[in-house]
Amino acid sequence: MRTCHQFNTVRAEYEREIGFMLAHSKRHEGRPAAKSSAKQAASTKQRMARALNSHVGSCPECG
């Protein structure tokens, strides 16, 4: 599948944010903050999927 520059930018931003959350979770393992970061990372993955899905549906270059 061929994607446009905007798709790649949005995906990179989400993946960066998810990476930060997962790194925080590993650093603070065993604490409530780690559990919270892990849950936020999971929900951010879902938001990323929704955002990219809607982008592909409306972008003439990707869709």
PDB file of N, CA and C in Angstrom:
ATOM      1  N   MET A   1       0.840  -1.178   0.000  1.00  0.00           N
ATOM      2  CA  MET A   1       0.000   0.000   0.000  1.00  0.00           C
ATOM      3  C   MET A   1       0.888   1.246   0.000  1.00  0.00           C
ATOM      4  N   ARG A   2       0.597   2.149  -0.876  1.00  0.00           N
ATOM      5  CA  ARG A   2       1.350   3.390  -0.964  1.00  0.00           C
ATOM      6  C   ARG A   2       0.675   4.444  -0.092  1.00  0.00           C
ATOM      7  N   THR A   3       1.466   5.161   0.695  1.00  0.00           N
ATOM      8  CA  THR A   3       0.903   6.173   1.584  1.00  0.00           C
ATOM      9  C   THR A   3       1.551   7.526   1.318  1.00  0.00           C
ATOM     10  N   CYS A   4       0.864   8.581   1.739  1.00  0.00           N
ATOM     11  CA  CYS A   4       1.356   9.933   1.517  1.00  0.00           C
ATOM     12  C   CYS A   4       2.219  10.408   2.685  1.00  0.00           C
ATOM     13  N   HIS A   5       2.787  11.575   2.525  1.00  0.00           N
ATOM     14  CA  HIS A   5       3.667  12.159   3.534  1.00  0.00           C
ATOM     15  C   HIS A   5       2.908  12.400   4.850  1.00  0.00           C
ATOM     16  N   GLN A   6       1.676  12.871   4.748  1.00  0.00           N
ATOM     17  CA  GLN A   6       0.896  13.164   5.958  1.00  0.00           C
ATOM     18  C   GLN A   6       0.630  11.885   6.757  1.00  0.00           C
ATOM     19  N   PHE A   7       0.332  10.805   6.089  1.00  0.00           N
ATOM     20  CA  PHE A   7       0.105   9.520   6.755  1.00  0.00           C
ATOM     21  C   PHE A   7       1.344   9.124   7.552  1.00  0.00           C
ATOM     22  N   ASN A   8       2.513   9.213   6.909  1.00  0.00           N
ATOM     23  CA  ASN A   8       3.757   8.843   7.576  1.00  0.00           C
ATOM     24  C   ASN A   8       4.055   9.757   8.756  1.00  0.00           C
ATOM     25  N   THR A   9       3.744  11.033   8.636  1.00  0.00           N
ATOM     26  CA  THR A   9       3.971  11.985   9.719  1.00  0.00           C
ATOM     27  C   THR A   9       3.081  11.672  10.914  1.00  0.00           C
ATOM     28  N   VAL A  10       1.806  11.438  10.653  1.00  0.00           N
ATOM     29  CA  VAL A  10       0.863  11.127  11.733  1.00  0.00           C
ATOM     30  C   VAL A  10       1.275   9.837  12.435  1.00  0.00           C
ATOM     31  N   ARG A  11       1.631   8.827  11.662  1.00  0.00           N
ATOM     32  CA  ARG A  11       2.036   7.553  12.247  1.00  0.00           C
ATOM     33  C   ARG A  11       3.303   7.714  13.094  1.00  0.00           C
ATOM     34  N   ALA A  12       4.262   8.474  12.608  1.00  0.00           N
ATOM     35  CA  ALA A  12       5.510   8.681  13.352  1.00  0.00           C
ATOM     36  C   ALA A  12       5.257   9.404  14.676  1.00  0.00           C
ATOM     37  N   GLU A  13       4.365  10.395  14.670  1.00  0.00           N
ATOM     38  CA  GLU A  13       4.048  11.121  15.902  1.00  0.00           C
ATOM     39  C   GLU A  13       3.399  10.209  16.936  1.00  0.00           C
ATOM     40  N   TYR A  14       2.449   9.403  16.489  1.00  0.00           N
ATOM     41  CA  TYR A  14       1.793   8.472  17.410  1.00  0.00           C
ATOM     42  C   TYR A  14       2.786   7.439  17.945  1.00  0.00           C
ATOM     43  N   GLU A  15       3.623   6.893  17.072  1.00  0.00           N
ATOM     44  CA  GLU A  15       4.581   5.879  17.510  1.00  0.00           C
ATOM     45  C   GLU A  15       5.593   6.462  18.501  1.00  0.00           C
ATOM     46  N   ARG A  16       5.969   7.711  18.296  1.00  0.00           N
ATOM     47  CA  ARG A  16       6.887   8.374  19.229  1.00  0.00           C
ATOM     48  C   ARG A  16       6.235   8.516  20.597  1.00  0.00           C
ATOM     49  N   GLU A  17       4.982   8.965  20.610  1.00  0.00           N
ATOM     50  CA  GLU A  17       4.252   9.128  21.868  1.00  0.00           C
ATOM     51  C   GLU A  17       4.095   7.788  22.584  1.00  0.00           C
ATOM     52  N   ILE A  18       3.772   6.744  21.842  1.00  0.00           N
ATOM     53  CA  ILE A  18       3.612   5.411  22.421  1.00  0.00           C
ATOM     54  C   ILE A  18       4.939   4.928  23.001  1.00  0.00           C
ATOM     55  N   GLY A  19       6.013   5.189  22.284  1.00  0.00           N
ATOM     56  CA  GLY A  19       7.338   4.810  22.768  1.00  0.00           C
ATOM     57  C   GLY A  19       7.685   5.477  24.090  1.00  0.00           C
ATOM     58  N   PHE A  20       7.348   6.763  24.215  1.00  0.00           N
ATOM     59  CA  PHE A  20       7.587   7.472  25.470  1.00  0.00           C
ATOM     60  C   PHE A  20       6.807   6.839  26.617  1.00  0.00           C
ATOM     61  N   MET A  21       5.549   6.514  26.358  1.00  0.00           N
ATOM     62  CA  MET A  21       4.710   5.930  27.405  1.00  0.00           C
ATOM     63  C   MET A  21       5.225   4.558  27.833  1.00  0.00           C
ATOM     64  N   LEU A  22       5.619   3.751  26.872  1.00  0.00           N
ATOM     65  CA  LEU A  22       6.123   2.414  27.204  1.00  0.00           C
ATOM     66  C   LEU A  22       7.461   2.492  27.936  1.00  0.00           C
ATOM     67  N   ALA A  23       8.305   3.439  27.566  1.00  0.00           N
ATOM     68  CA  ALA A  23       9.580   3.615  28.263  1.00  0.00           C
ATOM     69  C   ALA A  23       9.340   4.063  29.706  1.00  0.00           C
ATOM     70  N   HIS A  24       8.384   4.945  29.896  1.00  0.00           N
ATOM     71  CA  HIS A  24       8.033   5.396  31.242  1.00  0.00           C
ATOM     72  C   HIS A  24       7.523   4.229  32.064  1.00  0.00           C
ATOM     73  N   SER A  25       6.723   3.399  31.443  1.00  0.00           N
ATOM     74  CA  SER A  25       6.166   2.236  32.125  1.00  0.00           C
ATOM     75  C   SER A  25       7.270   1.278  32.573  1.00  0.00           C
ATOM     76  N   LYS A  26       8.275   1.083  31.720  1.00  0.00           N
ATOM     77  CA  LYS A  26       9.375   0.190  32.085  1.00  0.00           C
ATOM     78  C   LYS A  26      10.242   0.784  33.186  1.00  0.00           C
ATOM     79  N   ARG A  27      10.469   2.098  33.132  1.00  0.00           N
ATOM     80  CA  ARG A  27      11.295   2.747  34.153  1.00  0.00           C
ATOM     81  C   ARG A  27      10.669   2.669  35.532  1.00  0.00           C
ATOM     82  N   HIS A  28       9.345   2.760  35.583  1.00  0.00           N
ATOM     83  CA  HIS A  28       8.636   2.797  36.856  1.00  0.00           C
ATOM     84  C   HIS A  28       7.874   1.503  37.127  1.00  0.00           C
ATOM     85  N   GLU A  29       8.437   0.402  36.691  1.00  0.00           N
ATOM     86  CA  GLU A  29       7.787  -0.903  36.834  1.00  0.00           C
ATOM     87  C   GLU A  29       7.429  -1.178  38.295  1.00  0.00           C
ATOM     88  N   GLY A  30       6.222  -1.670  38.492  1.00  0.00           N
ATOM     89  CA  GLY A  30       5.758  -2.003  39.831  1.00  0.00           C
ATOM     90  C   GLY A  30       5.031  -0.876  40.532  1.00  0.00           C
ATOM     91  N   ARG A  31       4.980   0.277  39.928  1.00  0.00           N
ATOM     92  CA  ARG A  31       4.294   1.432  40.518  1.00  0.00           C
ATOM     93  C   ARG A  31       2.993   1.689  39.774  1.00  0.00           C
ATOM     94  N   PRO A  32       2.070   2.391  40.405  1.00  0.00           N
ATOM     95  CA  PRO A  32       0.818   2.719  39.722  1.00  0.00           C
ATOM     96  C   PRO A  32       1.024   3.553  38.450  1.00  0.00           C
ATOM     97  N   ALA A  33       2.067   4.402  38.449  1.00  0.00           N
ATOM     98  CA  ALA A  33       2.330   5.227  37.268  1.00  0.00           C
ATOM     99  C   ALA A  33       2.669   4.363  36.055  1.00  0.00           C
ATOM    100  N   ALA A  34       3.337   3.240  36.287  1.00  0.00           N
ATOM    101  CA  ALA A  34       3.691   2.347  35.188  1.00  0.00           C
ATOM    102  C   ALA A  34       2.439   1.725  34.579  1.00  0.00           C
ATOM    103  N   LYS A  35       1.536   1.315  35.421  1.00  0.00           N
ATOM    104  CA  LYS A  35       0.300   0.705  34.942  1.00  0.00           C
ATOM    105  C   LYS A  35      -0.519   1.728  34.141  1.00  0.00           C
ATOM    106  N   SER A  36      -0.555   2.948  34.642  1.00  0.00           N
ATOM    107  CA  SER A  36      -1.283   4.006  33.958  1.00  0.00           C
ATOM    108  C   SER A  36      -0.671   4.294  32.585  1.00  0.00           C
ATOM    109  N   SER A  37       0.645   4.368  32.512  1.00  0.00           N
ATOM    110  CA  SER A  37       1.312   4.624  31.232  1.00  0.00           C
ATOM    111  C   SER A  37       1.078   3.496  30.245  1.00  0.00           C
ATOM    112  N   ALA A  38       1.084   2.276  30.724  1.00  0.00           N
ATOM    113  CA  ALA A  38       0.845   1.131  29.843  1.00  0.00           C
ATOM    114  C   ALA A  38      -0.574   1.176  29.277  1.00  0.00           C
ATOM    115  N   LYS A  39      -1.541   1.543  30.113  1.00  0.00           N
ATOM    116  CA  LYS A  39      -2.923   1.651  29.642  1.00  0.00           C
ATOM    117  C   LYS A  39      -3.063   2.788  28.642  1.00  0.00           C
ATOM    118  N   GLN A  40      -2.398   3.900  28.915  1.00  0.00           N
ATOM    119  CA  GLN A  40      -2.453   5.031  27.981  1.00  0.00           C
ATOM    120  C   GLN A  40      -1.823   4.655  26.646  1.00  0.00           C
ATOM    121  N   ALA A  41      -0.746   3.900  26.676  1.00  0.00           N
ATOM    122  CA  ALA A  41      -0.099   3.468  25.437  1.00  0.00           C
ATOM    123  C   ALA A  41      -1.047   2.592  24.621  1.00  0.00           C
ATOM    124  N   ALA A  42      -1.756   1.705  25.286  1.00  0.00           N
ATOM    125  CA  ALA A  42      -2.706   0.835  24.580  1.00  0.00           C
ATOM    126  C   ALA A  42      -3.832   1.644  23.950  1.00  0.00           C
ATOM    127  N   SER A  43      -4.354   2.621  24.679  1.00  0.00           N
ATOM    128  CA  SER A  43      -5.440   3.430  24.117  1.00  0.00           C
ATOM    129  C   SER A  43      -4.926   4.334  23.004  1.00  0.00           C
ATOM    130  N   THR A  44      -3.667   4.764  23.100  1.00  0.00           N
ATOM    131  CA  THR A  44      -3.084   5.585  22.042  1.00  0.00           C
ATOM    132  C   THR A  44      -2.905   4.763  20.775  1.00  0.00           C
ATOM    133  N   LYS A  45      -2.585   3.486  20.916  1.00  0.00           N
ATOM    134  CA  LYS A  45      -2.480   2.611  19.740  1.00  0.00           C
ATOM    135  C   LYS A  45      -3.827   2.523  19.032  1.00  0.00           C
ATOM    136  N   GLN A  46      -4.899   2.423  19.802  1.00  0.00           N
ATOM    137  CA  GLN A  46      -6.234   2.369  19.210  1.00  0.00           C
ATOM    138  C   GLN A  46      -6.584   3.688  18.517  1.00  0.00           C
ATOM    139  N   ARG A  47      -6.235   4.809  19.153  1.00  0.00           N
ATOM    140  CA  ARG A  47      -6.488   6.119  18.545  1.00  0.00           C
ATOM    141  C   ARG A  47      -5.694   6.266  17.246  1.00  0.00           C
ATOM    142  N   MET A  48      -4.453   5.771  17.241  1.00  0.00           N
ATOM    143  CA  MET A  48      -3.632   5.836  16.041  1.00  0.00           C
ATOM    144  C   MET A  48      -4.289   5.047  14.915  1.00  0.00           C
ATOM    145  N   ALA A  49      -4.761   3.864  15.228  1.00  0.00           N
ATOM    146  CA  ALA A  49      -5.410   3.039  14.214  1.00  0.00           C
ATOM    147  C   ALA A  49      -6.638   3.746  13.638  1.00  0.00           C
ATOM    148  N   ARG A  50      -7.438   4.349  14.511  1.00  0.00           N
ATOM    149  CA  ARG A  50      -8.627   5.074  14.048  1.00  0.00           C
ATOM    150  C   ARG A  50      -8.245   6.255  13.176  1.00  0.00           C
ATOM    151  N   ALA A  51      -7.240   7.023  13.614  1.00  0.00           N
ATOM    152  CA  ALA A  51      -6.822   8.205  12.864  1.00  0.00           C
ATOM    153  C   ALA A  51      -6.281   7.831  11.492  1.00  0.00           C
ATOM    154  N   LEU A  52      -5.462   6.792  11.446  1.00  0.00           N
ATOM    155  CA  LEU A  52      -4.896   6.379  10.161  1.00  0.00           C
ATOM    156  C   LEU A  52      -5.951   5.777   9.247  1.00  0.00           C
ATOM    157  N   ASN A  53      -6.891   5.072   9.830  1.00  0.00           N
ATOM    158  CA  ASN A  53      -7.984   4.485   9.047  1.00  0.00           C
ATOM    159  C   ASN A  53      -8.832   5.572   8.414  1.00  0.00           C
ATOM    160  N   SER A  54      -9.163   6.593   9.187  1.00  0.00           N
ATOM    161  CA  SER A  54      -9.983   7.667   8.622  1.00  0.00           C
ATOM    162  C   SER A  54      -9.187   8.476   7.611  1.00  0.00           C
ATOM    163  N   HIS A  55      -7.882   8.594   7.813  1.00  0.00           N
ATOM    164  CA  HIS A  55      -7.050   9.303   6.842  1.00  0.00           C
ATOM    165  C   HIS A  55      -7.054   8.576   5.507  1.00  0.00           C
ATOM    166  N   VAL A  56      -6.871   7.267   5.545  1.00  0.00           N
ATOM    167  CA  VAL A  56      -6.843   6.490   4.310  1.00  0.00           C
ATOM    168  C   VAL A  56      -8.185   6.588   3.600  1.00  0.00           C
ATOM    169  N   GLY A  57      -9.264   6.646   4.367  1.00  0.00           N
ATOM    170  CA  GLY A  57     -10.589   6.744   3.758  1.00  0.00           C
ATOM    171  C   GLY A  57     -10.849   8.066   3.067  1.00  0.00           C
ATOM    172  N   SER A  58     -10.187   9.134   3.516  1.00  0.00           N
ATOM    173  CA  SER A  58     -10.474  10.441   2.939  1.00  0.00           C
ATOM    174  C   SER A  58      -9.355  11.001   2.060  1.00  0.00           C
ATOM    175  N   CYS A  59      -8.199  10.378   2.064  1.00  0.00           N
ATOM    176  CA  CYS A  59      -7.062  10.890   1.306  1.00  0.00           C
ATOM    177  C   CYS A  59      -7.056  10.292  -0.109  1.00  0.00           C
ATOM    178  N   PRO A  60      -7.024  11.138  -1.130  1.00  0.00           N
ATOM    179  CA  PRO A  60      -7.022  10.600  -2.501  1.00  0.00           C
ATOM    180  C   PRO A  60      -5.709   9.876  -2.844  1.00  0.00           C
ATOM    181  N   GLU A  61      -4.611  10.262  -2.219  1.00  0.00           N
ATOM    182  CA  GLU A  61      -3.332   9.634  -2.529  1.00  0.00           C
ATOM    183  C   GLU A  61      -3.188   8.270  -1.863  1.00  0.00           C
ATOM    184  N   CYS A  62      -3.697   8.136  -0.623  1.00  0.00           N
ATOM    185  CA  CYS A  62      -3.582   6.884   0.118  1.00  0.00           C
ATOM    186  C   CYS A  62      -4.680   5.889  -0.260  1.00  0.00           C
ATOM    187  N   GLY A  63      -5.885   6.394  -0.437  1.00  0.00           N
ATOM    188  CA  GLY A  63      -7.024   5.521  -0.642  1.00  0.00           C
ATOM    189  C   GLY A  63      -7.204   5.201  -2.065  1.00  0.00           C
TER     190      GLY A  63
END
